[in-house]
Amino acid sequence: MKNRLNRAAAMALALLVFPPLAGAQLESLTIFPAGTVITMDPSLPRASAVAVSGGRIVAVGDVGDFDVWADGRAVNIDERFADKVIVPGLIDNHLHPFLASIVFNTVWITPQEWRVGDMRVPATRSHEDFVRRLGEALAADADPAGPLLSWGYHESWHGELGRAELDEISAHKPIILIQRSFHEFIMNTAALDWLGLNTDEIGALPDIELDAGFFSESGVDVALERLVPHFFDPERLRAGFDALRDAVHAGGITTIGDMGVGGYLGLQQEAEVYQDHFGDSRTPFRMLMVAAPGLMRPPPPKSEVDEFAGVAFPKVFSGRHVKFFADGGFFALNMRMKFPGYTDGHEGRWMMAPEALEAAIRPYWNDGYQVHIHVNGDEGLDVVLDILHGLLEDRPRFDHRFTLHHVGISTNEQLRRAAMLGVVISAQPNYLWALGDQYAESGLGRDRAAQMSRIGAMLRNGIPTSLHSDFTMAPASPLWLAWVAVNRITADGTLMAPDERISVGEALRAVTIDAAFAMGLENEIGSIVAGKKADFTILEADPFEVPAPALRDLEIWGTVFEGRVYPLD
């Protein structure tokens, strides 16, 4: 009682010294009652309502708990979600808006069916069907002078295609095939001539086989330099970004991370383009931009990256993050693999040689940046973990959040070591769904193909693990990614490595609070907690009450972004 009286006396004294401002206007309060609120906060896992003011969460609980916040405010009770489920705004912490805008302006011919907004793409799974679909696209092309660009080609399904066969399909119209992962381009002679690439000088560069019209990894960068003016024609770019905005919103996403800024137009210019396209009220999500100096030729000086780290538009912002690339693309079977390697004996590729990768990372590590690394194969993972070990020995850091992206092939021993080194992982579960059966038959063998995307082991070792789409490597749908991780069912219906399945709760953490942690934004987003941004995804059913195989089919009503409601049309 004495302590209680002392506190009351202290409060009375404080009011005498600092009286409340007379007539102070408090911002209005909006209360969203719901069928249930899944907070992803272990201290209060469930609630029945959320109170919001000024774009932030004021309180979480029951409607009757909010009376203390109502005094002196205009109060609006929004009943639209009374029979729905509110979860934290879903997060995709690794996708590529510029790449997506490019792909949205191409003809999709893909091994698996795609549904993006109103677009429906049937599966194409043979060489003959691919050539037929390409011919149909040529016949339907209304621009006789422009190039035909197609995205989705994969040799495992569509067979080998090269310059000679594309010349047979069209000797005059430029044709460019963009491989499913964007890590390879294949062109006919007309396309090479159109881009000025049909020269001995270009043919002598690494990762380019000019006779085959084939560009891989660093060769793709050479081709992109010539293609950027076409891709980023203002009308084409705006159409692509509008399609991306709709796809992200349809996925219930309220925060995205671009893990590759600077690879197309340069750091500052890309930030300004993003602000122009996504900075207005039509966009119901925010974007963290992560500089990727390794994609730029030549790499920018660190001072330029430091300047970019200060970009702070309201919806488009950066920070002290930087990304580098270890080995090659997973869809292209270019990841670096330890013994026994690949079934056909080929070697993967380094996007950056190990020595160069370590040298590029070191100045940013020493300056306190959060480092993100694209790594796919188990040999690549060994190299990256060795680099991190050396950095920690030379300059120890606490809470460094050195983040590994993709991690398609790993061993349990590597993940145990990664946990000891304090890594964070942003995993790509869709590798298993899209590629598991095919890589079991050709490339990796059944055991390693079944165990790709070893997300269960990541969590068993205590590694903070999130899920990402790397759109367009997977749909921009966190619920789809969660479904793959929970069920481990391939596109052909095969259950693979069931011991690597994770729970629904773990999967939801991986696309909410743990995804925010990987971006360094967990104090702002990722759970429904007082003080955080009022970002919600509105579901028609409770993900904990539907069967695990139905998780991907949960209907999304819309989102709330910083307190503003954005229904799906």
Foldseek 3Di string as FASTA:
>chain_A
DVVVVVVVVVVVVCCVVPPDDPPDADFAKEKEFAPWEQFLDVVDRIAGMWIAGQQFTADTHYPVVCPVVHPRHHYHYDHPRHYWYWFFQFEFAEAALLVQLLQVPAAEAAQPWDDFPPDTHHHDFEQVSVLVVVLVCVVPDPDQAAAHEYEHDACLGNNDAFQVVVCVSPVAHWYWYQHNLNFKIHIYPNVCVVLVCQDPVNCVDPQDPVVRSMHGQVRSLVSLQSCLVVSPPPVSSLVSNVSVQLLLQQQSHAEYEYQEAQLHDGLVVVLVVCCVRQVDPVRRHAYEYAYEQLNDVVRDPVVSVVVQQQACRPRYHYHQEYEYEFWGDPSRLQAAEDPPFWPVPDGHGTSAPLVRVLVVCQVSVVVLGQYEYEHEYAVSLVSVLVSLVVSCVVPNDPPSQNEYEAHFFHDLVSLLSCVVSQYAYAHELQCLQECLVSCCVGIPNNQRSLCTRLQQSNVVSPHLYAYHCNPPVPRSHLLVRLLCQQQVAHPVGDRGPNSSHDDSSSSLQRRFQSSCVSVVNNQAGRGRDGPHRQKIWIWSDDLVPDPSNCSSVTRTQGMAHSNRTDGND
